[in-house]
Amino acid sequence: MTRATSSAPSQRMLRVGEQVRAAITQVLQRGEVRDDLIEKTVISISEVRMSPDLKIATAYVTPLGVADHTGVIAALNRNAKFIRGRLGNQLRQMKYMPEVRFRDDTSFDNYSKIDALLRSPEVQRDLDADAEDEK
């Protein structure tokens, strides 16, 4: 019997991703990473996606109050091995400690673009026309 493959993450991947996200957040909040850029920046971790074998954790982060995120993302990736080592206490139930990769979370930009589109005069005009058609 072959198993159906799906691109959607499994419940286990989602659960472990949330545990890793919480553990990384604690490491950053405690100020354990000795990097000036990371220490002076508030970093929001919106999601951690796990690989199917749970050996790679990709953390999507948003540095708050920083216009250019590339420097903070690079600093996090430079310190990824150190952060991985600090995750051990919170993730000791895992067979393998995942390799951590940091990526810029662009979902907030997408949300603001969609919001701007929905508020545009053209869309408002079409929505008003649809509302009148329903009457």
C-alpha atoms as a PDB file:
ATOM      1  CA  MET A   1       0.000   0.000   0.000  1.00  0.00           C
ATOM      2  CA  THR A   2       1.440   3.363  -0.965  1.00  0.00           C
ATOM      3  CA  ARG A   3       0.977   6.361   1.198  1.00  0.00           C
ATOM      4  CA  ALA A   4      -0.504   9.479  -0.328  1.00  0.00           C
ATOM      5  CA  THR A   5       1.982  12.305  -0.369  1.00  0.00           C
ATOM      6  CA  SER A   6       0.865  15.768   0.537  1.00  0.00           C
ATOM      7  CA  SER A   7       2.640  19.088   0.653  1.00  0.00           C
ATOM      8  CA  ALA A   8       0.774  20.030   3.818  1.00  0.00           C
ATOM      9  CA  PRO A   9       2.747  19.649   7.060  1.00  0.00           C
ATOM     10  CA  SER A  10       1.810  16.794   9.358  1.00  0.00           C
ATOM     11  CA  GLN A  11       0.442  17.355  12.854  1.00  0.00           C
ATOM     12  CA  ARG A  12       3.789  16.235  14.239  1.00  0.00           C
ATOM     13  CA  MET A  13       5.681  18.767  12.089  1.00  0.00           C
ATOM     14  CA  LEU A  14       3.325  21.525  13.243  1.00  0.00           C
ATOM     15  CA  ARG A  15       3.612  20.559  16.920  1.00  0.00           C
ATOM     16  CA  VAL A  16       7.422  20.313  16.845  1.00  0.00           C
ATOM     17  CA  GLY A  17       7.641  23.575  14.874  1.00  0.00           C
ATOM     18  CA  GLU A  18       5.679  25.359  17.597  1.00  0.00           C
ATOM     19  CA  GLN A  19       7.924  23.870  20.301  1.00  0.00           C
ATOM     20  CA  VAL A  20      11.033  25.016  18.425  1.00  0.00           C
ATOM     21  CA  ARG A  21       9.511  28.494  17.925  1.00  0.00           C
ATOM     22  CA  ALA A  22       8.870  28.827  21.661  1.00  0.00           C
ATOM     23  CA  ALA A  23      12.381  27.614  22.503  1.00  0.00           C
ATOM     24  CA  ILE A  24      14.065  30.059  20.076  1.00  0.00           C
ATOM     25  CA  THR A  25      11.919  32.877  21.455  1.00  0.00           C
ATOM     26  CA  GLN A  26      13.100  32.086  24.992  1.00  0.00           C
ATOM     27  CA  VAL A  27      16.755  32.059  23.932  1.00  0.00           C
ATOM     28  CA  LEU A  28      16.370  35.467  22.261  1.00  0.00           C
ATOM     29  CA  GLN A  29      14.352  36.962  25.141  1.00  0.00           C
ATOM     30  CA  ARG A  30      16.934  35.900  27.715  1.00  0.00           C
ATOM     31  CA  GLY A  31      19.624  37.683  25.712  1.00  0.00           C
ATOM     32  CA  GLU A  32      21.823  34.601  25.460  1.00  0.00           C
ATOM     33  CA  VAL A  33      23.088  35.513  21.974  1.00  0.00           C
ATOM     34  CA  ARG A  34      26.019  37.899  22.239  1.00  0.00           C
ATOM     35  CA  ASP A  35      25.594  39.903  19.060  1.00  0.00           C
ATOM     36  CA  ASP A  36      25.053  43.668  19.199  1.00  0.00           C
ATOM     37  CA  LEU A  37      22.564  43.684  16.342  1.00  0.00           C
ATOM     38  CA  ILE A  38      20.469  40.861  17.825  1.00  0.00           C
ATOM     39  CA  GLU A  39      20.637  42.259  21.372  1.00  0.00           C
ATOM     40  CA  LYS A  40      19.331  45.698  20.396  1.00  0.00           C
ATOM     41  CA  THR A  41      16.571  44.439  18.057  1.00  0.00           C
ATOM     42  CA  VAL A  42      13.157  43.111  19.038  1.00  0.00           C
ATOM     43  CA  ILE A  43      12.633  40.011  16.923  1.00  0.00           C
ATOM     44  CA  SER A  44       9.253  38.418  16.306  1.00  0.00           C
ATOM     45  CA  ILE A  45       9.212  34.753  15.249  1.00  0.00           C
ATOM     46  CA  SER A  46       5.939  34.185  13.442  1.00  0.00           C
ATOM     47  CA  GLU A  47       6.428  30.564  12.422  1.00  0.00           C
ATOM     48  CA  VAL A  48       8.888  27.682  12.391  1.00  0.00           C
ATOM     49  CA  ARG A  49       8.477  25.152   9.605  1.00  0.00           C
ATOM     50  CA  MET A  50      10.011  21.740  10.140  1.00  0.00           C
ATOM     51  CA  SER A  51      11.333  19.458   7.423  1.00  0.00           C
ATOM     52  CA  PRO A  52       9.515  16.097   7.197  1.00  0.00           C
ATOM     53  CA  ASP A  53      12.406  14.340   8.992  1.00  0.00           C
ATOM     54  CA  LEU A  54      12.405  17.079  11.708  1.00  0.00           C
ATOM     55  CA  LYS A  55      16.128  17.735  11.162  1.00  0.00           C
ATOM     56  CA  ILE A  56      15.782  21.259   9.723  1.00  0.00           C
ATOM     57  CA  ALA A  57      13.829  24.090  11.344  1.00  0.00           C
ATOM     58  CA  THR A  58      13.233  27.180   9.211  1.00  0.00           C
ATOM     59  CA  ALA A  59      12.280  30.121  11.434  1.00  0.00           C
ATOM     60  CA  TYR A  60      10.431  33.020   9.813  1.00  0.00           C
ATOM     61  CA  VAL A  61      11.334  36.178  11.695  1.00  0.00           C
ATOM     62  CA  THR A  62      10.471  39.865  11.580  1.00  0.00           C
ATOM     63  CA  PRO A  63      12.888  42.342  13.178  1.00  0.00           C
ATOM     64  CA  LEU A  64      10.616  45.068  14.558  1.00  0.00           C
ATOM     65  CA  GLY A  65      11.519  48.701  14.055  1.00  0.00           C
ATOM     66  CA  VAL A  66      14.222  47.914  11.493  1.00  0.00           C
ATOM     67  CA  ALA A  67      13.825  49.050   7.888  1.00  0.00           C
ATOM     68  CA  ASP A  68      16.392  46.655   6.390  1.00  0.00           C
ATOM     69  CA  HIS A  69      15.991  43.130   7.749  1.00  0.00           C
ATOM     70  CA  THR A  70      18.967  41.599   5.916  1.00  0.00           C
ATOM     71  CA  GLY A  71      21.527  42.510   8.603  1.00  0.00           C
ATOM     72  CA  VAL A  72      19.481  41.002  11.426  1.00  0.00           C
ATOM     73  CA  ILE A  73      18.715  37.848   9.411  1.00  0.00           C
ATOM     74  CA  ALA A  74      22.423  37.465   8.602  1.00  0.00           C
ATOM     75  CA  ALA A  75      23.331  37.910  12.285  1.00  0.00           C
ATOM     76  CA  LEU A  76      20.810  35.251  13.304  1.00  0.00           C
ATOM     77  CA  ASN A  77      22.174  32.829  10.710  1.00  0.00           C
ATOM     78  CA  ARG A  78      25.761  33.528  11.887  1.00  0.00           C
ATOM     79  CA  ASN A  79      24.659  32.577  15.412  1.00  0.00           C
ATOM     80  CA  ALA A  80      22.416  29.673  14.352  1.00  0.00           C
ATOM     81  CA  LYS A  81      24.749  26.971  15.694  1.00  0.00           C
ATOM     82  CA  PHE A  82      24.976  28.708  19.073  1.00  0.00           C
ATOM     83  CA  ILE A  83      21.181  29.101  19.208  1.00  0.00           C
ATOM     84  CA  ARG A  84      20.785  25.433  18.268  1.00  0.00           C
ATOM     85  CA  GLY A  85      23.013  24.485  21.189  1.00  0.00           C
ATOM     86  CA  ARG A  86      20.919  26.572  23.592  1.00  0.00           C
ATOM     87  CA  LEU A  87      17.682  24.844  22.526  1.00  0.00           C
ATOM     88  CA  GLY A  88      18.676  21.569  24.178  1.00  0.00           C
ATOM     89  CA  ASN A  89      17.044  22.242  27.547  1.00  0.00           C
ATOM     90  CA  GLN A  90      13.609  22.958  26.071  1.00  0.00           C
ATOM     91  CA  LEU A  91      13.776  20.266  23.357  1.00  0.00           C
ATOM     92  CA  ARG A  92      15.443  17.370  25.155  1.00  0.00           C
ATOM     93  CA  GLN A  93      12.616  15.010  24.122  1.00  0.00           C
ATOM     94  CA  MET A  94      13.743  15.233  20.482  1.00  0.00           C
ATOM     95  CA  LYS A  95      15.908  12.498  19.032  1.00  0.00           C
ATOM     96  CA  TYR A  96      17.872  14.993  16.912  1.00  0.00           C
ATOM     97  CA  MET A  97      18.379  18.683  17.573  1.00  0.00           C
ATOM     98  CA  PRO A  98      17.262  20.401  14.344  1.00  0.00           C
ATOM     99  CA  GLU A  99      19.521  22.641  12.309  1.00  0.00           C
ATOM    100  CA  VAL A 100      18.057  26.154  12.576  1.00  0.00           C
ATOM    101  CA  ARG A 101      17.776  28.464   9.579  1.00  0.00           C
ATOM    102  CA  PHE A 102      16.407  31.989   9.721  1.00  0.00           C
ATOM    103  CA  ARG A 103      14.406  33.613   6.925  1.00  0.00           C
ATOM    104  CA  ASP A 104      12.720  36.992   6.604  1.00  0.00           C
ATOM    105  CA  ASP A 105       8.967  36.750   7.110  1.00  0.00           C
ATOM    106  CA  THR A 106       7.370  38.657   4.249  1.00  0.00           C
ATOM    107  CA  SER A 107       3.778  37.685   5.077  1.00  0.00           C
ATOM    108  CA  PHE A 108       3.140  41.043   6.799  1.00  0.00           C
ATOM    109  CA  ASP A 109       4.139  42.836   3.596  1.00  0.00           C
ATOM    110  CA  ASN A 110       1.724  40.657   1.636  1.00  0.00           C
ATOM    111  CA  TYR A 111      -1.086  41.404   4.090  1.00  0.00           C
ATOM    112  CA  SER A 112      -0.533  45.145   3.786  1.00  0.00           C
ATOM    113  CA  LYS A 113      -0.519  44.931  -0.035  1.00  0.00           C
ATOM    114  CA  ILE A 114      -3.817  43.023   0.007  1.00  0.00           C
ATOM    115  CA  ASP A 115      -5.287  45.516   2.460  1.00  0.00           C
ATOM    116  CA  ALA A 116      -4.211  48.423   0.255  1.00  0.00           C
ATOM    117  CA  LEU A 117      -5.779  46.732  -2.774  1.00  0.00           C
ATOM    118  CA  LEU A 118      -9.045  46.148  -0.956  1.00  0.00           C
ATOM    119  CA  ARG A 119      -9.165  49.814   0.067  1.00  0.00           C
ATOM    120  CA  SER A 120      -8.428  51.106  -3.441  1.00  0.00           C
ATOM    121  CA  PRO A 121     -11.141  53.172  -5.144  1.00  0.00           C
ATOM    122  CA  GLU A 122     -11.511  50.627  -7.972  1.00  0.00           C
ATOM    123  CA  VAL A 123     -12.321  47.776  -5.589  1.00  0.00           C
ATOM    124  CA  GLN A 124     -14.628  49.968  -3.510  1.00  0.00           C
ATOM    125  CA  ARG A 125     -16.494  50.934  -6.685  1.00  0.00           C
ATOM    126  CA  ASP A 126     -16.901  47.259  -7.648  1.00  0.00           C
ATOM    127  CA  LEU A 127     -18.042  46.352  -4.153  1.00  0.00           C
ATOM    128  CA  ASP A 128     -20.601  49.177  -4.192  1.00  0.00           C
ATOM    129  CA  ALA A 129     -21.869  47.983  -7.589  1.00  0.00           C
ATOM    130  CA  ASP A 130     -22.222  44.397  -6.288  1.00  0.00           C
ATOM    131  CA  ALA A 131     -24.140  45.647  -3.237  1.00  0.00           C
ATOM    132  CA  GLU A 132     -26.577  47.585  -5.453  1.00  0.00           C
ATOM    133  CA  ASP A 133     -27.077  44.526  -7.729  1.00  0.00           C
ATOM    134  CA  GLU A 134     -28.165  42.494  -4.703  1.00  0.00           C
ATOM    135  CA  LYS A 135     -30.913  44.988  -3.806  1.00  0.00           C
END
